[in-house]
Amino acid sequence: MRPSIHLAPIDLATLRRLWKPLRDSYANAHLYRDNRIRIHRAFSWLERASALPDAALDERYLAQWAGFAALHSRWDAARGQPVGESAAITAFVRQLFATDHDGVMAGTMERERTLVTSMFTDRYLARHCEEVDVKALLERRRFDRIARHLLERCALVHAQLARGGATYGSRENRTVLKRSSMVLEHLSVAAIQVVTNHGYADDWGDLCWPPARG
C-alpha cells in the first residue's frame, strides 16, 4: 500500500491525510517504527508552525526547524549524542535526492526559483555563508547542491535565534527570517512527501532520542 503520488504543490494537511492510512497500516504490522516516529514528530512541529500568526514569526521559524530536524537528525551511538548538524543535513540531502524518484524536491525548487535565488543574494547570509553561483547550479539542475546550501543558510538563521543572537521580534532580521521560513515550509513538505512516497522502509540513520518503551 502506497500513498498517491502528487507532483503538483501539496499542502501539509493533504500530505498528512495521505500518510495516515499508510501509517496505520505499518503500525498495525509493527513496521518501520523509527521512520513513523520521525514523520509524526515532523508533522507535529510543522502543524504547530502553520497555526501561528504572521506576528509570531520567531516562534514559527523555531517550530519549523524542529519539524525539519525531526527528519534529518540522526544519533551517533559511539558518542552518545546527535550527529553534527552540518553532517546530518549533508547525509539527509544526499539520501533524499537518491530516494526522490519523482523529482519532488527539484520541482519544488523550480517553482520557487525566485525565493531560492533570494536566499543566495541576501546580504546578511552572504556575509556568513559560502559564496554560491546559484544561477549556474540552476542551469545545471544541481538541485541537490542547491538544497544543501539552502538548508545551511536556514540552519544559520535558526542558530541565530536559538542561541540568542537576535532580539526577539527584531526588525533587523525580518526579511531573512521570512525568506528562510518560506524555504523551510516548502522543503519540509517536499521532504516528507519523498520519504512517505519512497523512503518509509529505508534506513535514515539512528533515531535521535527514541521514546521510552513502556
C-alpha atoms as a PDB file:
ATOM      1  CA  MET A   1       0.000   0.000   0.000  1.00  0.00           C
ATOM      2  CA  ARG A   2       1.475   3.337  -1.055  1.00  0.00           C
ATOM      3  CA  PRO A   3       0.181   6.928  -0.971  1.00  0.00           C
ATOM      4  CA  SER A   4      -0.839   8.523  -4.245  1.00  0.00           C
ATOM      5  CA  ILE A   5       1.958  10.406  -5.975  1.00  0.00           C
ATOM      6  CA  HIS A   6       1.316  14.152  -6.198  1.00  0.00           C
ATOM      7  CA  LEU A   7       3.835  16.139  -8.222  1.00  0.00           C
ATOM      8  CA  ALA A   8       1.856  19.371  -8.076  1.00  0.00           C
ATOM      9  CA  PRO A   9       2.290  21.566  -4.981  1.00  0.00           C
ATOM     10  CA  ILE A  10       0.791  19.866  -1.948  1.00  0.00           C
ATOM     11  CA  ASP A  11      -0.087  21.340   1.440  1.00  0.00           C
ATOM     12  CA  LEU A  12       0.668  19.920   4.854  1.00  0.00           C
ATOM     13  CA  ALA A  13      -2.925  18.933   5.631  1.00  0.00           C
ATOM     14  CA  THR A  14      -3.261  16.974   2.398  1.00  0.00           C
ATOM     15  CA  LEU A  15       0.064  15.276   2.979  1.00  0.00           C
ATOM     16  CA  ARG A  16      -0.993  14.278   6.499  1.00  0.00           C
ATOM     17  CA  ARG A  17      -4.260  12.850   5.132  1.00  0.00           C
ATOM     18  CA  LEU A  18      -2.386  10.799   2.516  1.00  0.00           C
ATOM     19  CA  TRP A  19       0.073   9.489   5.098  1.00  0.00           C
ATOM     20  CA  LYS A  20      -2.447   8.466   7.782  1.00  0.00           C
ATOM     21  CA  PRO A  21      -3.727   5.185   6.248  1.00  0.00           C
ATOM     22  CA  LEU A  22      -0.183   4.138   5.378  1.00  0.00           C
ATOM     23  CA  ARG A  23       0.997   4.968   8.892  1.00  0.00           C
ATOM     24  CA  ASP A  24      -1.856   2.980  10.421  1.00  0.00           C
ATOM     25  CA  SER A  25      -1.130   0.010   8.187  1.00  0.00           C
ATOM     26  CA  TYR A  26       2.532  -0.033   9.205  1.00  0.00           C
ATOM     27  CA  ALA A  27       1.713   0.467  12.866  1.00  0.00           C
ATOM     28  CA  ASN A  28      -0.669  -2.494  12.834  1.00  0.00           C
ATOM     29  CA  ALA A  29       2.058  -4.593  11.215  1.00  0.00           C
ATOM     30  CA  HIS A  30       4.727  -3.266  13.615  1.00  0.00           C
ATOM     31  CA  LEU A  31       6.822  -1.997  10.695  1.00  0.00           C
ATOM     32  CA  TYR A  32       9.170   0.983  10.267  1.00  0.00           C
ATOM     33  CA  ARG A  33       8.738   2.267  13.821  1.00  0.00           C
ATOM     34  CA  ASP A  34      11.614   4.767  13.761  1.00  0.00           C
ATOM     35  CA  ASN A  35      10.518   6.329  10.496  1.00  0.00           C
ATOM     36  CA  ARG A  36       6.921   6.551  11.666  1.00  0.00           C
ATOM     37  CA  ILE A  37       8.193   8.420  14.729  1.00  0.00           C
ATOM     38  CA  ARG A  38      10.297  10.777  12.584  1.00  0.00           C
ATOM     39  CA  ILE A  39       7.352  11.637  10.391  1.00  0.00           C
ATOM     40  CA  HIS A  40       4.968  12.014  13.346  1.00  0.00           C
ATOM     41  CA  ARG A  41       7.360  14.398  15.083  1.00  0.00           C
ATOM     42  CA  ALA A  42       7.857  16.396  11.893  1.00  0.00           C
ATOM     43  CA  PHE A  43       4.117  16.765  11.328  1.00  0.00           C
ATOM     44  CA  SER A  44       3.537  17.818  14.954  1.00  0.00           C
ATOM     45  CA  TRP A  45       6.016  20.714  14.764  1.00  0.00           C
ATOM     46  CA  LEU A  46       5.177  21.805  11.224  1.00  0.00           C
ATOM     47  CA  GLU A  47       1.452  21.851  12.018  1.00  0.00           C
ATOM     48  CA  ARG A  48       2.159  23.969  15.084  1.00  0.00           C
ATOM     49  CA  ALA A  49       4.196  26.351  12.928  1.00  0.00           C
ATOM     50  CA  SER A  50       1.421  26.672  10.348  1.00  0.00           C
ATOM     51  CA  ALA A  51      -1.081  27.534  13.095  1.00  0.00           C
ATOM     52  CA  LEU A  52       0.948  30.509  14.323  1.00  0.00           C
ATOM     53  CA  PRO A  53       0.076  34.026  13.100  1.00  0.00           C
ATOM     54  CA  ASP A  54       2.424  36.091  10.961  1.00  0.00           C
ATOM     55  CA  ALA A  55       3.246  38.212  14.006  1.00  0.00           C
ATOM     56  CA  ALA A  56       4.803  35.153  15.681  1.00  0.00           C
ATOM     57  CA  LEU A  57       7.469  34.688  13.018  1.00  0.00           C
ATOM     58  CA  ASP A  58      10.234  33.902  15.520  1.00  0.00           C
ATOM     59  CA  GLU A  59       8.179  31.117  17.111  1.00  0.00           C
ATOM     60  CA  ARG A  60       7.044  29.861  13.720  1.00  0.00           C
ATOM     61  CA  TYR A  61      10.597  29.520  12.483  1.00  0.00           C
ATOM     62  CA  LEU A  62      11.774  27.712  15.606  1.00  0.00           C
ATOM     63  CA  ALA A  63       8.887  25.248  15.230  1.00  0.00           C
ATOM     64  CA  GLN A  64       9.591  24.806  11.522  1.00  0.00           C
ATOM     65  CA  TRP A  65      13.219  23.998  12.218  1.00  0.00           C
ATOM     66  CA  ALA A  66      12.197  21.466  14.881  1.00  0.00           C
ATOM     67  CA  GLY A  67       9.947  19.832  12.295  1.00  0.00           C
ATOM     68  CA  PHE A  68      12.703  19.643   9.733  1.00  0.00           C
ATOM     69  CA  ALA A  69      15.236  18.489  12.324  1.00  0.00           C
ATOM     70  CA  ALA A  70      12.934  15.589  13.204  1.00  0.00           C
ATOM     71  CA  LEU A  71      13.573  14.347   9.665  1.00  0.00           C
ATOM     72  CA  HIS A  72      17.284  14.977   9.207  1.00  0.00           C
ATOM     73  CA  SER A  73      18.715  14.420  12.690  1.00  0.00           C
ATOM     74  CA  ARG A  74      20.436  11.140  13.446  1.00  0.00           C
ATOM     75  CA  TRP A  75      22.114   9.649  16.503  1.00  0.00           C
ATOM     76  CA  ASP A  76      25.834   8.987  16.914  1.00  0.00           C
ATOM     77  CA  ALA A  77      25.774   5.876  19.116  1.00  0.00           C
ATOM     78  CA  ALA A  78      29.535   5.898  19.644  1.00  0.00           C
ATOM     79  CA  ARG A  79      29.486   9.393  21.123  1.00  0.00           C
ATOM     80  CA  GLY A  80      26.055   9.212  22.732  1.00  0.00           C
ATOM     81  CA  GLN A  81      24.820  12.397  21.067  1.00  0.00           C
ATOM     82  CA  PRO A  82      23.299  13.614  17.805  1.00  0.00           C
ATOM     83  CA  VAL A  83      25.455  13.696  14.675  1.00  0.00           C
ATOM     84  CA  GLY A  84      26.674  17.248  13.996  1.00  0.00           C
ATOM     85  CA  GLU A  85      24.073  19.356  12.237  1.00  0.00           C
ATOM     86  CA  SER A  86      26.058  20.047   9.063  1.00  0.00           C
ATOM     87  CA  ALA A  87      26.984  16.383   8.622  1.00  0.00           C
ATOM     88  CA  ALA A  88      23.412  15.269   9.327  1.00  0.00           C
ATOM     89  CA  ILE A  89      21.980  17.725   6.787  1.00  0.00           C
ATOM     90  CA  THR A  90      24.507  16.686   4.137  1.00  0.00           C
ATOM     91  CA  ALA A  91      23.731  12.989   4.640  1.00  0.00           C
ATOM     92  CA  PHE A  92      19.981  13.619   4.654  1.00  0.00           C
ATOM     93  CA  VAL A  93      20.023  15.664   1.443  1.00  0.00           C
ATOM     94  CA  ARG A  94      22.171  13.067  -0.330  1.00  0.00           C
ATOM     95  CA  GLN A  95      19.807  10.261   0.652  1.00  0.00           C
ATOM     96  CA  LEU A  96      16.709  12.358  -0.035  1.00  0.00           C
ATOM     97  CA  PHE A  97      17.693  13.037  -3.633  1.00  0.00           C
ATOM     98  CA  ALA A  98      18.715   9.411  -4.188  1.00  0.00           C
ATOM     99  CA  THR A  99      15.223   8.440  -2.997  1.00  0.00           C
ATOM    100  CA  ASP A 100      13.310  11.148  -4.880  1.00  0.00           C
ATOM    101  CA  HIS A 101      12.342   9.154  -7.971  1.00  0.00           C
ATOM    102  CA  ASP A 102       9.528  11.589  -8.796  1.00  0.00           C
ATOM    103  CA  GLY A 103      11.599  14.791  -8.743  1.00  0.00           C
ATOM    104  CA  VAL A 104       9.531  16.343  -5.949  1.00  0.00           C
ATOM    105  CA  MET A 105      12.466  18.278  -4.479  1.00  0.00           C
ATOM    106  CA  ALA A 106      13.670  19.559  -7.856  1.00  0.00           C
ATOM    107  CA  GLY A 107      10.130  20.513  -8.837  1.00  0.00           C
ATOM    108  CA  THR A 108       9.657  22.426  -5.595  1.00  0.00           C
ATOM    109  CA  MET A 109      12.819  24.471  -6.125  1.00  0.00           C
ATOM    110  CA  GLU A 110      11.956  25.089  -9.772  1.00  0.00           C
ATOM    111  CA  ARG A 111       8.577  26.520  -8.768  1.00  0.00           C
ATOM    112  CA  GLU A 112      10.179  28.637  -6.047  1.00  0.00           C
ATOM    113  CA  ARG A 113      13.137  29.794  -8.158  1.00  0.00           C
ATOM    114  CA  THR A 114      12.731  33.468  -7.161  1.00  0.00           C
ATOM    115  CA  LEU A 115      12.650  32.606  -3.454  1.00  0.00           C
ATOM    116  CA  VAL A 116      15.593  30.225  -3.822  1.00  0.00           C
ATOM    117  CA  THR A 117      17.662  32.860  -5.603  1.00  0.00           C
ATOM    118  CA  SER A 118      16.836  35.456  -2.950  1.00  0.00           C
ATOM    119  CA  MET A 119      18.464  33.270  -0.287  1.00  0.00           C
ATOM    120  CA  PHE A 120      21.761  33.458  -2.163  1.00  0.00           C
ATOM    121  CA  THR A 121      21.602  37.194  -2.780  1.00  0.00           C
ATOM    122  CA  ASP A 122      20.563  38.096   0.761  1.00  0.00           C
ATOM    123  CA  ARG A 123      23.247  40.438   2.124  1.00  0.00           C
ATOM    124  CA  TYR A 124      23.143  39.117   5.680  1.00  0.00           C
ATOM    125  CA  LEU A 125      23.530  35.490   4.620  1.00  0.00           C
ATOM    126  CA  ALA A 126      26.232  36.420   2.118  1.00  0.00           C
ATOM    127  CA  ARG A 127      28.398  37.707   4.971  1.00  0.00           C
ATOM    128  CA  HIS A 128      28.310  34.394   6.804  1.00  0.00           C
ATOM    129  CA  CYS A 129      27.899  31.689   4.157  1.00  0.00           C
ATOM    130  CA  GLU A 130      29.931  30.213   1.332  1.00  0.00           C
ATOM    131  CA  GLU A 131      29.553  32.114  -1.939  1.00  0.00           C
ATOM    132  CA  VAL A 132      27.478  30.059  -4.370  1.00  0.00           C
ATOM    133  CA  ASP A 133      26.760  30.627  -8.068  1.00  0.00           C
ATOM    134  CA  VAL A 134      23.117  29.631  -7.806  1.00  0.00           C
ATOM    135  CA  LYS A 135      22.400  30.617 -11.420  1.00  0.00           C
ATOM    136  CA  ALA A 136      24.955  28.094 -12.649  1.00  0.00           C
ATOM    137  CA  LEU A 137      23.611  25.408 -10.334  1.00  0.00           C
ATOM    138  CA  LEU A 138      20.066  26.031 -11.572  1.00  0.00           C
ATOM    139  CA  GLU A 139      21.200  25.845 -15.189  1.00  0.00           C
ATOM    140  CA  ARG A 140      22.970  22.550 -14.465  1.00  0.00           C
ATOM    141  CA  ARG A 141      19.970  21.338 -12.460  1.00  0.00           C
ATOM    142  CA  ARG A 142      22.126  20.561  -9.445  1.00  0.00           C
ATOM    143  CA  PHE A 143      19.191  20.782  -7.092  1.00  0.00           C
ATOM    144  CA  ASP A 144      20.892  18.529  -4.558  1.00  0.00           C
ATOM    145  CA  ARG A 145      23.666  21.081  -4.065  1.00  0.00           C
ATOM    146  CA  ILE A 146      21.184  23.950  -4.030  1.00  0.00           C
ATOM    147  CA  ALA A 147      19.141  22.215  -1.322  1.00  0.00           C
ATOM    148  CA  ARG A 148      22.211  21.629   0.833  1.00  0.00           C
ATOM    149  CA  HIS A 149      23.302  25.270   0.581  1.00  0.00           C
ATOM    150  CA  LEU A 150      19.744  26.473   1.245  1.00  0.00           C
ATOM    151  CA  LEU A 151      19.489  24.365   4.369  1.00  0.00           C
ATOM    152  CA  GLU A 152      22.879  25.519   5.603  1.00  0.00           C
ATOM    153  CA  ARG A 153      21.564  29.074   5.358  1.00  0.00           C
ATOM    154  CA  CYS A 154      18.369  28.118   7.150  1.00  0.00           C
ATOM    155  CA  ALA A 155      20.472  26.459   9.875  1.00  0.00           C
ATOM    156  CA  LEU A 156      22.420  29.679  10.349  1.00  0.00           C
ATOM    157  CA  VAL A 157      19.217  31.684  10.802  1.00  0.00           C
ATOM    158  CA  HIS A 158      17.946  29.097  13.274  1.00  0.00           C
ATOM    159  CA  ALA A 159      21.192  29.204  15.254  1.00  0.00           C
ATOM    160  CA  GLN A 160      20.960  32.980  15.477  1.00  0.00           C
ATOM    161  CA  LEU A 161      17.522  32.721  17.081  1.00  0.00           C
ATOM    162  CA  ALA A 162      18.102  29.644  19.218  1.00  0.00           C
ATOM    163  CA  ARG A 163      21.358  30.979  20.687  1.00  0.00           C
ATOM    164  CA  GLY A 164      20.097  34.447  21.475  1.00  0.00           C
ATOM    165  CA  GLY A 165      21.912  36.095  18.572  1.00  0.00           C
ATOM    166  CA  ALA A 166      18.948  38.315  17.751  1.00  0.00           C
ATOM    167  CA  THR A 167      16.482  40.401  19.712  1.00  0.00           C
ATOM    168  CA  TYR A 168      13.024  38.835  19.949  1.00  0.00           C
ATOM    169  CA  GLY A 169      10.863  40.316  17.199  1.00  0.00           C
ATOM    170  CA  SER A 170      13.783  42.317  15.821  1.00  0.00           C
ATOM    171  CA  ARG A 171      13.046  44.311  12.674  1.00  0.00           C
ATOM    172  CA  GLU A 172      16.638  43.808  11.566  1.00  0.00           C
ATOM    173  CA  ASN A 173      16.204  40.164  10.630  1.00  0.00           C
ATOM    174  CA  ARG A 174      12.588  40.145   9.382  1.00  0.00           C
ATOM    175  CA  THR A 175      13.453  39.803   5.685  1.00  0.00           C
ATOM    176  CA  VAL A 176      15.907  36.938   6.040  1.00  0.00           C
ATOM    177  CA  LEU A 177      13.648  35.250   8.584  1.00  0.00           C
ATOM    178  CA  LYS A 178      10.619  35.439   6.293  1.00  0.00           C
ATOM    179  CA  ARG A 179      12.607  34.045   3.374  1.00  0.00           C
ATOM    180  CA  SER A 180      14.058  31.247   5.476  1.00  0.00           C
ATOM    181  CA  SER A 181      10.630  30.391   6.872  1.00  0.00           C
ATOM    182  CA  MET A 182       9.170  30.110   3.377  1.00  0.00           C
ATOM    183  CA  VAL A 183      12.073  27.928   2.234  1.00  0.00           C
ATOM    184  CA  LEU A 184      11.673  25.592   5.218  1.00  0.00           C
ATOM    185  CA  GLU A 185       7.937  25.365   4.666  1.00  0.00           C
ATOM    186  CA  HIS A 186       8.379  24.270   1.046  1.00  0.00           C
ATOM    187  CA  LEU A 187      11.360  21.969   1.565  1.00  0.00           C
ATOM    188  CA  SER A 188       9.946  20.271   4.670  1.00  0.00           C
ATOM    189  CA  VAL A 189       6.701  19.364   2.935  1.00  0.00           C
ATOM    190  CA  ALA A 190       8.602  18.140  -0.130  1.00  0.00           C
ATOM    191  CA  ALA A 191      10.964  16.086   2.038  1.00  0.00           C
ATOM    192  CA  ILE A 192       8.103  14.398   3.897  1.00  0.00           C
ATOM    193  CA  GLN A 193       6.473  13.639   0.553  1.00  0.00           C
ATOM    194  CA  VAL A 194       9.648  11.958  -0.705  1.00  0.00           C
ATOM    195  CA  VAL A 195      10.069   9.907   2.471  1.00  0.00           C
ATOM    196  CA  THR A 196       6.433   8.792   2.574  1.00  0.00           C
ATOM    197  CA  ASN A 197       6.337   8.023  -1.167  1.00  0.00           C
ATOM    198  CA  HIS A 198       9.535   6.032  -1.439  1.00  0.00           C
ATOM    199  CA  GLY A 199      11.698   6.120   1.699  1.00  0.00           C
ATOM    200  CA  TYR A 200       9.488   4.871   4.511  1.00  0.00           C
ATOM    201  CA  ALA A 201      11.273   1.477   4.599  1.00  0.00           C
ATOM    202  CA  ASP A 202      14.801   2.918   4.312  1.00  0.00           C
ATOM    203  CA  ASP A 203      17.437   3.455   6.985  1.00  0.00           C
ATOM    204  CA  TRP A 204      17.692   7.200   7.666  1.00  0.00           C
ATOM    205  CA  GLY A 205      20.174   6.762  10.499  1.00  0.00           C
ATOM    206  CA  ASP A 206      19.581   6.013  14.156  1.00  0.00           C
ATOM    207  CA  LEU A 207      16.641   7.907  15.599  1.00  0.00           C
ATOM    208  CA  CYS A 208      17.516  10.709  17.996  1.00  0.00           C
ATOM    209  CA  TRP A 209      16.000  10.291  21.468  1.00  0.00           C
ATOM    210  CA  PRO A 210      13.616   7.418  20.760  1.00  0.00           C
ATOM    211  CA  PRO A 211      10.594   7.332  23.053  1.00  0.00           C
ATOM    212  CA  ALA A 212      10.962   5.225  26.184  1.00  0.00           C
ATOM    213  CA  ARG A 213       9.418   1.811  25.851  1.00  0.00           C
ATOM    214  CA  GLY A 214       6.719   1.158  28.405  1.00  0.00           C
END
